[in-house]
N, C-alpha and C. Protein backbone atom coordinates (compact mmCIF):
# COMPACT_ATOMS: atom_id res chain seq x y z
N MET A 1 -4.37 3.47 19.42
CA MET A 1 -5.26 4.15 18.48
C MET A 1 -4.54 4.30 17.14
N SER A 2 -5.22 4.00 16.08
CA SER A 2 -4.66 4.07 14.75
C SER A 2 -4.61 5.52 14.27
N PRO A 3 -3.48 5.92 13.63
CA PRO A 3 -3.47 7.24 13.02
C PRO A 3 -4.51 7.27 11.91
N PRO A 4 -5.20 8.41 11.70
CA PRO A 4 -6.26 8.45 10.71
C PRO A 4 -5.77 8.27 9.28
N ILE A 5 -4.57 8.72 8.98
CA ILE A 5 -4.01 8.58 7.64
C ILE A 5 -2.63 7.96 7.77
N ARG A 6 -2.35 6.97 6.95
CA ARG A 6 -1.04 6.32 6.99
C ARG A 6 -0.42 6.40 5.60
N PRO A 7 0.64 7.24 5.43
CA PRO A 7 1.32 7.23 4.14
C PRO A 7 2.14 5.94 4.00
N LEU A 8 2.24 5.45 2.78
CA LEU A 8 3.05 4.26 2.53
C LEU A 8 4.38 4.72 1.95
N HIS A 9 5.45 4.54 2.72
CA HIS A 9 6.79 4.94 2.30
C HIS A 9 7.59 3.70 1.93
N ARG A 10 8.48 3.85 0.98
CA ARG A 10 9.34 2.74 0.59
C ARG A 10 10.58 2.65 1.46
N ASP A 11 10.87 3.64 2.24
CA ASP A 11 12.11 3.68 3.01
C ASP A 11 12.08 2.70 4.16
N LEU A 12 12.63 1.52 3.93
CA LEU A 12 12.73 0.53 4.99
C LEU A 12 14.01 0.78 5.78
N ILE A 13 14.02 0.37 7.04
CA ILE A 13 15.19 0.53 7.89
C ILE A 13 16.14 -0.62 7.58
N ALA A 14 17.32 -0.29 7.04
CA ALA A 14 18.26 -1.30 6.53
C ALA A 14 18.73 -2.28 7.59
N SER A 15 18.83 -1.85 8.84
CA SER A 15 19.35 -2.72 9.90
C SER A 15 18.30 -3.65 10.49
N LEU A 16 17.04 -3.50 10.08
CA LEU A 16 15.96 -4.34 10.58
C LEU A 16 15.51 -5.32 9.50
N ASP A 17 15.09 -6.51 9.91
CA ASP A 17 14.56 -7.45 8.93
C ASP A 17 13.13 -7.03 8.56
N ALA A 18 12.55 -7.73 7.59
CA ALA A 18 11.21 -7.37 7.10
C ALA A 18 10.19 -7.38 8.22
N ARG A 19 10.24 -8.39 9.05
CA ARG A 19 9.29 -8.53 10.16
C ARG A 19 9.41 -7.35 11.12
N GLU A 20 10.64 -6.98 11.46
CA GLU A 20 10.87 -5.84 12.36
C GLU A 20 10.43 -4.53 11.72
N ASN A 21 10.67 -4.37 10.41
CA ASN A 21 10.24 -3.17 9.71
C ASN A 21 8.73 -3.02 9.75
N VAL A 22 8.00 -4.13 9.61
CA VAL A 22 6.54 -4.07 9.65
C VAL A 22 6.05 -3.81 11.07
N ALA A 23 6.70 -4.41 12.06
CA ALA A 23 6.26 -4.26 13.45
C ALA A 23 6.62 -2.89 14.05
N MET A 24 7.68 -2.26 13.57
CA MET A 24 8.20 -1.04 14.20
C MET A 24 7.15 0.06 14.40
N PRO A 25 6.36 0.45 13.39
CA PRO A 25 5.36 1.51 13.63
C PRO A 25 4.35 1.13 14.71
N MET A 26 4.00 -0.14 14.77
CA MET A 26 3.05 -0.59 15.80
C MET A 26 3.68 -0.47 17.18
N LEU A 27 4.94 -0.88 17.29
CA LEU A 27 5.65 -0.80 18.57
C LEU A 27 5.77 0.66 19.02
N LEU A 28 6.08 1.54 18.08
CA LEU A 28 6.21 2.97 18.41
C LEU A 28 4.88 3.59 18.83
N ASN A 29 3.78 2.96 18.42
CA ASN A 29 2.45 3.46 18.79
C ASN A 29 1.84 2.70 19.96
N GLY A 30 2.68 1.96 20.70
CA GLY A 30 2.23 1.35 21.94
C GLY A 30 1.60 -0.02 21.84
N VAL A 31 1.64 -0.65 20.67
CA VAL A 31 1.11 -2.00 20.55
C VAL A 31 2.08 -2.96 21.25
N ALA A 32 1.55 -3.90 21.99
CA ALA A 32 2.38 -4.87 22.70
C ALA A 32 3.26 -5.62 21.71
N ARG A 33 4.49 -5.91 22.11
CA ARG A 33 5.46 -6.56 21.24
C ARG A 33 4.90 -7.85 20.62
N LYS A 34 4.31 -8.70 21.44
CA LYS A 34 3.76 -9.97 20.96
C LYS A 34 2.70 -9.71 19.88
N ASP A 35 1.82 -8.76 20.12
CA ASP A 35 0.76 -8.45 19.17
C ASP A 35 1.31 -7.83 17.88
N ALA A 36 2.30 -6.95 18.03
CA ALA A 36 2.89 -6.30 16.85
C ALA A 36 3.56 -7.32 15.94
N PHE A 37 4.30 -8.25 16.53
CA PHE A 37 4.98 -9.25 15.70
C PHE A 37 4.00 -10.27 15.13
N ALA A 38 2.94 -10.59 15.85
CA ALA A 38 1.92 -11.49 15.31
C ALA A 38 1.24 -10.84 14.10
N ARG A 39 0.94 -9.55 14.21
CA ARG A 39 0.32 -8.82 13.10
C ARG A 39 1.29 -8.72 11.93
N ALA A 40 2.58 -8.47 12.21
CA ALA A 40 3.59 -8.41 11.15
C ALA A 40 3.66 -9.74 10.41
N ASP A 41 3.66 -10.84 11.15
CA ASP A 41 3.69 -12.17 10.52
C ASP A 41 2.47 -12.39 9.63
N GLU A 42 1.30 -11.98 10.12
CA GLU A 42 0.06 -12.12 9.35
C GLU A 42 0.14 -11.33 8.05
N LEU A 43 0.58 -10.08 8.14
CA LEU A 43 0.64 -9.22 6.96
C LEU A 43 1.66 -9.74 5.95
N LEU A 44 2.82 -10.16 6.42
CA LEU A 44 3.84 -10.68 5.51
C LEU A 44 3.36 -11.96 4.83
N THR A 45 2.66 -12.79 5.56
CA THR A 45 2.08 -14.01 4.97
C THR A 45 1.07 -13.65 3.89
N ASN A 46 0.26 -12.63 4.14
CA ASN A 46 -0.78 -12.22 3.19
C ASN A 46 -0.21 -11.76 1.85
N VAL A 47 1.03 -11.27 1.85
CA VAL A 47 1.64 -10.82 0.59
C VAL A 47 2.75 -11.77 0.12
N GLY A 48 2.72 -13.00 0.63
CA GLY A 48 3.65 -14.02 0.16
C GLY A 48 5.08 -13.86 0.60
N LEU A 49 5.31 -13.22 1.75
CA LEU A 49 6.68 -12.99 2.21
C LEU A 49 7.01 -13.66 3.54
N ALA A 50 6.23 -14.64 3.94
CA ALA A 50 6.49 -15.31 5.22
C ALA A 50 7.90 -15.88 5.26
N GLU A 51 8.34 -16.46 4.15
CA GLU A 51 9.67 -17.08 4.11
C GLU A 51 10.80 -16.05 4.06
N ARG A 52 10.47 -14.79 3.82
CA ARG A 52 11.49 -13.73 3.75
C ARG A 52 11.42 -12.79 4.96
N ALA A 53 10.63 -13.14 5.95
CA ALA A 53 10.40 -12.26 7.11
C ALA A 53 11.68 -11.91 7.86
N ARG A 54 12.64 -12.80 7.88
CA ARG A 54 13.89 -12.56 8.62
C ARG A 54 15.01 -11.99 7.76
N HIS A 55 14.67 -11.57 6.56
CA HIS A 55 15.66 -10.98 5.66
C HIS A 55 15.63 -9.46 5.77
N ARG A 56 16.81 -8.87 5.76
CA ARG A 56 16.91 -7.40 5.76
C ARG A 56 16.62 -6.87 4.36
N PRO A 57 16.28 -5.59 4.25
CA PRO A 57 15.91 -5.03 2.95
C PRO A 57 16.94 -5.28 1.84
N GLY A 58 18.22 -5.22 2.17
CA GLY A 58 19.25 -5.44 1.16
C GLY A 58 19.25 -6.84 0.59
N MET A 59 18.59 -7.78 1.26
CA MET A 59 18.51 -9.16 0.80
C MET A 59 17.19 -9.43 0.06
N LEU A 60 16.36 -8.41 -0.08
CA LEU A 60 15.06 -8.54 -0.74
C LEU A 60 15.11 -7.89 -2.11
N SER A 61 14.32 -8.41 -3.04
CA SER A 61 14.21 -7.77 -4.35
C SER A 61 13.45 -6.45 -4.19
N GLY A 62 13.46 -5.64 -5.24
CA GLY A 62 12.73 -4.37 -5.19
C GLY A 62 11.25 -4.58 -4.96
N GLY A 63 10.67 -5.57 -5.61
CA GLY A 63 9.25 -5.87 -5.43
C GLY A 63 8.94 -6.36 -4.04
N GLN A 64 9.84 -7.15 -3.47
CA GLN A 64 9.64 -7.63 -2.10
C GLN A 64 9.73 -6.47 -1.12
N GLN A 65 10.68 -5.57 -1.33
CA GLN A 65 10.77 -4.38 -0.48
C GLN A 65 9.49 -3.56 -0.57
N GLU A 66 8.96 -3.46 -1.78
CA GLU A 66 7.71 -2.71 -2.01
C GLU A 66 6.57 -3.31 -1.19
N ARG A 67 6.46 -4.64 -1.21
CA ARG A 67 5.39 -5.30 -0.46
C ARG A 67 5.57 -5.12 1.04
N VAL A 68 6.82 -5.17 1.52
CA VAL A 68 7.07 -4.93 2.95
C VAL A 68 6.63 -3.51 3.31
N ALA A 69 6.97 -2.55 2.46
CA ALA A 69 6.60 -1.15 2.73
C ALA A 69 5.09 -0.98 2.75
N VAL A 70 4.39 -1.64 1.83
CA VAL A 70 2.93 -1.52 1.79
C VAL A 70 2.32 -2.08 3.06
N VAL A 71 2.71 -3.30 3.45
CA VAL A 71 2.07 -3.89 4.63
C VAL A 71 2.50 -3.21 5.93
N ARG A 72 3.67 -2.58 5.93
CA ARG A 72 4.09 -1.84 7.13
C ARG A 72 3.07 -0.75 7.46
N GLY A 73 2.52 -0.12 6.43
CA GLY A 73 1.52 0.92 6.65
C GLY A 73 0.16 0.41 7.08
N LEU A 74 -0.03 -0.90 7.04
CA LEU A 74 -1.34 -1.48 7.35
C LEU A 74 -1.44 -2.05 8.75
N GLY A 75 -0.35 -2.05 9.49
CA GLY A 75 -0.31 -2.72 10.78
C GLY A 75 -1.40 -2.35 11.76
N GLN A 76 -1.76 -1.09 11.82
CA GLN A 76 -2.75 -0.65 12.80
C GLN A 76 -4.10 -0.34 12.17
N HIS A 77 -4.37 -0.94 11.04
CA HIS A 77 -5.67 -0.81 10.37
C HIS A 77 -6.08 0.65 10.15
N PRO A 78 -5.22 1.48 9.54
CA PRO A 78 -5.62 2.87 9.32
C PRO A 78 -6.79 2.95 8.34
N PRO A 79 -7.73 3.86 8.58
CA PRO A 79 -8.87 3.98 7.67
C PRO A 79 -8.50 4.63 6.33
N TRP A 80 -7.40 5.38 6.29
CA TRP A 80 -6.94 6.06 5.08
C TRP A 80 -5.52 5.62 4.77
N LEU A 81 -5.21 5.40 3.49
CA LEU A 81 -3.86 5.09 3.04
C LEU A 81 -3.50 6.03 1.90
N LEU A 82 -2.27 6.53 1.91
CA LEU A 82 -1.75 7.33 0.80
C LEU A 82 -0.61 6.52 0.18
N ALA A 83 -0.72 6.20 -1.10
CA ALA A 83 0.28 5.35 -1.75
C ALA A 83 0.80 6.02 -3.01
N ASP A 84 2.11 6.21 -3.08
CA ASP A 84 2.76 6.81 -4.24
C ASP A 84 3.38 5.69 -5.07
N GLU A 85 2.83 5.43 -6.23
CA GLU A 85 3.31 4.40 -7.15
C GLU A 85 3.50 3.03 -6.47
N PRO A 86 2.47 2.50 -5.83
CA PRO A 86 2.64 1.25 -5.09
C PRO A 86 2.92 0.03 -5.97
N THR A 87 2.64 0.12 -7.26
CA THR A 87 2.86 -1.02 -8.15
C THR A 87 4.03 -0.80 -9.10
N ALA A 88 4.94 0.08 -8.73
CA ALA A 88 6.06 0.41 -9.61
C ALA A 88 7.20 -0.60 -9.53
N SER A 89 6.95 -1.77 -8.98
CA SER A 89 8.00 -2.78 -8.88
C SER A 89 8.31 -3.35 -10.26
N PRO A 90 9.52 -3.89 -10.44
CA PRO A 90 9.89 -4.41 -11.75
C PRO A 90 9.18 -5.71 -12.13
N ASP A 91 8.60 -6.40 -11.18
CA ASP A 91 7.99 -7.70 -11.41
C ASP A 91 6.47 -7.57 -11.46
N HIS A 92 5.87 -7.90 -12.60
CA HIS A 92 4.42 -7.72 -12.75
C HIS A 92 3.63 -8.64 -11.81
N ILE A 93 4.16 -9.78 -11.45
CA ILE A 93 3.47 -10.68 -10.53
C ILE A 93 3.39 -10.04 -9.14
N GLN A 94 4.49 -9.41 -8.72
CA GLN A 94 4.48 -8.72 -7.43
C GLN A 94 3.55 -7.51 -7.47
N ALA A 95 3.53 -6.80 -8.59
CA ALA A 95 2.62 -5.66 -8.73
C ALA A 95 1.17 -6.13 -8.67
N GLU A 96 0.90 -7.29 -9.25
CA GLU A 96 -0.46 -7.85 -9.17
C GLU A 96 -0.84 -8.18 -7.73
N GLY A 97 0.14 -8.64 -6.95
CA GLY A 97 -0.12 -8.92 -5.53
C GLY A 97 -0.50 -7.66 -4.77
N ILE A 98 0.20 -6.57 -5.06
CA ILE A 98 -0.12 -5.30 -4.40
C ILE A 98 -1.49 -4.80 -4.86
N THR A 99 -1.78 -4.95 -6.15
CA THR A 99 -3.10 -4.56 -6.66
C THR A 99 -4.20 -5.36 -5.98
N ARG A 100 -3.98 -6.65 -5.82
CA ARG A 100 -4.96 -7.52 -5.14
C ARG A 100 -5.16 -7.05 -3.70
N LEU A 101 -4.06 -6.71 -3.01
CA LEU A 101 -4.14 -6.22 -1.63
C LEU A 101 -4.92 -4.91 -1.57
N LEU A 102 -4.64 -3.98 -2.49
CA LEU A 102 -5.37 -2.71 -2.51
C LEU A 102 -6.86 -2.95 -2.77
N ARG A 103 -7.18 -3.88 -3.65
CA ARG A 103 -8.59 -4.21 -3.93
C ARG A 103 -9.27 -4.75 -2.67
N GLU A 104 -8.59 -5.64 -1.96
CA GLU A 104 -9.16 -6.21 -0.73
C GLU A 104 -9.39 -5.12 0.31
N LEU A 105 -8.45 -4.19 0.43
CA LEU A 105 -8.60 -3.09 1.38
C LEU A 105 -9.77 -2.20 0.99
N ARG A 106 -9.89 -1.93 -0.29
CA ARG A 106 -11.03 -1.14 -0.78
C ARG A 106 -12.34 -1.85 -0.45
N ASP A 107 -12.37 -3.15 -0.65
CA ASP A 107 -13.60 -3.92 -0.43
C ASP A 107 -14.04 -3.95 1.03
N VAL A 108 -13.11 -3.72 1.97
CA VAL A 108 -13.48 -3.69 3.39
C VAL A 108 -13.65 -2.25 3.88
N GLY A 109 -13.70 -1.29 2.94
CA GLY A 109 -14.04 0.07 3.31
C GLY A 109 -12.89 1.02 3.56
N ARG A 110 -11.67 0.63 3.27
CA ARG A 110 -10.55 1.55 3.45
C ARG A 110 -10.55 2.59 2.33
N VAL A 111 -10.16 3.80 2.68
CA VAL A 111 -9.99 4.86 1.69
C VAL A 111 -8.52 4.84 1.28
N ILE A 112 -8.27 4.69 0.00
CA ILE A 112 -6.90 4.61 -0.51
C ILE A 112 -6.73 5.67 -1.58
N VAL A 113 -5.77 6.56 -1.38
CA VAL A 113 -5.44 7.57 -2.37
C VAL A 113 -4.13 7.13 -3.01
N VAL A 114 -4.16 6.93 -4.33
CA VAL A 114 -3.01 6.40 -5.05
C VAL A 114 -2.58 7.38 -6.13
N SER A 115 -1.29 7.67 -6.16
CA SER A 115 -0.69 8.41 -7.26
C SER A 115 0.04 7.37 -8.10
N THR A 116 -0.34 7.26 -9.37
CA THR A 116 0.25 6.19 -10.19
C THR A 116 0.19 6.49 -11.67
N HIS A 117 1.07 5.83 -12.40
CA HIS A 117 1.03 5.84 -13.86
C HIS A 117 0.50 4.50 -14.37
N ASP A 118 0.15 3.61 -13.46
CA ASP A 118 -0.25 2.24 -13.78
C ASP A 118 -1.74 2.16 -14.12
N ALA A 119 -2.04 2.01 -15.40
CA ALA A 119 -3.43 1.93 -15.84
C ALA A 119 -4.13 0.68 -15.32
N GLN A 120 -3.38 -0.30 -14.85
CA GLN A 120 -3.98 -1.53 -14.30
C GLN A 120 -4.79 -1.24 -13.04
N LEU A 121 -4.55 -0.10 -12.39
CA LEU A 121 -5.28 0.24 -11.17
C LEU A 121 -6.63 0.89 -11.46
N VAL A 122 -6.86 1.31 -12.70
CA VAL A 122 -8.12 1.99 -13.05
C VAL A 122 -9.35 1.16 -12.69
N PRO A 123 -9.40 -0.13 -13.00
CA PRO A 123 -10.62 -0.89 -12.71
C PRO A 123 -10.97 -0.98 -11.22
N ILE A 124 -10.01 -0.78 -10.33
CA ILE A 124 -10.34 -0.89 -8.90
C ILE A 124 -10.62 0.47 -8.27
N ALA A 125 -10.48 1.54 -9.05
CA ALA A 125 -10.67 2.89 -8.51
C ALA A 125 -12.15 3.27 -8.46
N ASP A 126 -12.54 3.95 -7.40
CA ASP A 126 -13.88 4.52 -7.32
C ASP A 126 -13.93 5.88 -8.00
N LYS A 127 -12.85 6.64 -7.87
CA LYS A 127 -12.76 7.95 -8.52
C LYS A 127 -11.36 8.08 -9.10
N ILE A 128 -11.29 8.76 -10.24
CA ILE A 128 -10.02 8.93 -10.94
C ILE A 128 -9.82 10.41 -11.24
N VAL A 129 -8.66 10.93 -10.91
CA VAL A 129 -8.29 12.29 -11.28
C VAL A 129 -7.11 12.17 -12.23
N ASN A 130 -7.30 12.59 -13.47
CA ASN A 130 -6.25 12.52 -14.48
C ASN A 130 -5.54 13.87 -14.53
N ARG A 131 -4.29 13.87 -14.15
CA ARG A 131 -3.52 15.12 -14.09
C ARG A 131 -2.56 15.26 -15.27
N SER A 132 -2.77 14.52 -16.34
CA SER A 132 -1.83 14.53 -17.46
C SER A 132 -1.74 15.88 -18.16
N ASP A 133 -2.80 16.69 -18.08
CA ASP A 133 -2.74 17.99 -18.75
C ASP A 133 -2.24 19.09 -17.83
N GLN A 134 -1.77 18.74 -16.64
CA GLN A 134 -1.19 19.67 -15.68
C GLN A 134 -2.15 20.75 -15.20
N SER A 135 -3.44 20.55 -15.35
CA SER A 135 -4.41 21.53 -14.87
C SER A 135 -5.07 21.04 -13.60
N SER A 136 -5.70 21.94 -12.92
CA SER A 136 -6.36 21.60 -11.67
C SER A 136 -7.61 20.78 -11.93
N ALA A 137 -7.84 19.80 -11.07
CA ALA A 137 -9.05 18.98 -11.21
C ALA A 137 -10.25 19.67 -10.58
N GLY A 138 -10.03 20.68 -9.74
CA GLY A 138 -11.12 21.37 -9.08
C GLY A 138 -12.04 22.04 -10.07
N GLY A 139 -13.33 21.82 -9.92
CA GLY A 139 -14.30 22.46 -10.79
C GLY A 139 -14.44 21.86 -12.17
N ARG A 140 -13.66 20.84 -12.48
CA ARG A 140 -13.76 20.19 -13.79
C ARG A 140 -14.95 19.25 -13.79
N ARG A 141 -15.44 18.94 -14.95
CA ARG A 141 -16.60 18.06 -15.04
C ARG A 141 -16.22 16.62 -14.70
N ILE A 142 -17.16 15.92 -14.14
CA ILE A 142 -16.97 14.51 -13.83
C ILE A 142 -17.63 13.70 -14.93
N ARG A 143 -16.94 12.69 -15.42
CA ARG A 143 -17.50 11.86 -16.48
C ARG A 143 -17.38 10.40 -16.08
N ARG A 144 -18.12 9.56 -16.74
CA ARG A 144 -18.11 8.12 -16.45
C ARG A 144 -17.08 7.42 -17.33
N ARG A 145 -16.38 6.48 -16.75
CA ARG A 145 -15.48 5.61 -17.50
C ARG A 145 -16.13 4.26 -17.63
N SER A 146 -15.45 3.37 -18.29
CA SER A 146 -15.99 2.03 -18.49
C SER A 146 -16.21 1.29 -17.18
N THR A 147 -15.55 1.74 -16.11
CA THR A 147 -15.73 1.10 -14.81
C THR A 147 -17.05 1.50 -14.18
N GLY A 148 -17.71 2.55 -14.73
CA GLY A 148 -18.96 3.01 -14.15
C GLY A 148 -18.74 3.86 -12.91
N ARG A 149 -17.52 4.25 -12.69
CA ARG A 149 -17.19 5.05 -11.51
C ARG A 149 -16.87 6.48 -11.93
N ASP A 150 -16.89 7.38 -10.97
CA ASP A 150 -16.59 8.78 -11.27
C ASP A 150 -15.13 8.96 -11.63
N SER A 151 -14.87 9.88 -12.53
CA SER A 151 -13.50 10.27 -12.82
C SER A 151 -13.49 11.76 -13.12
N VAL A 152 -12.35 12.38 -12.88
CA VAL A 152 -12.16 13.79 -13.20
C VAL A 152 -10.99 13.86 -14.15
N ARG A 153 -11.16 14.53 -15.26
CA ARG A 153 -10.07 14.61 -16.23
C ARG A 153 -9.57 16.03 -16.29
């Protein structure tokens, strides 16, 4: 059974390769080893890391580590994802890959809560809460942005 909410953490296990890092949460939740590693291979392929699957985190770039961390949270198809700065990698191409993955997840009905400074994520958001003025979003008016979606400022 999938946990209802899956936070996306960047903390990869240094002694495990990318494939093992992605499979580990599934294994801990009772998914058969064969199935967990097949799913890990699928997810790593989806984010362009099939050729890096056997590399440990220390052998991966920051952006590659970020993508491993993102797909690790997706192994058991959680309906909710919590992501803190998922596109904060130094490489804009890798950040675009994560944005594309988040868009695909949104399109299949996943709920994704993202904390970010990246304005590139605005077009894929259904709702936006702008916390730049350090005030509570509760009870504030909702206005339309150019995306046609709700936002709270």
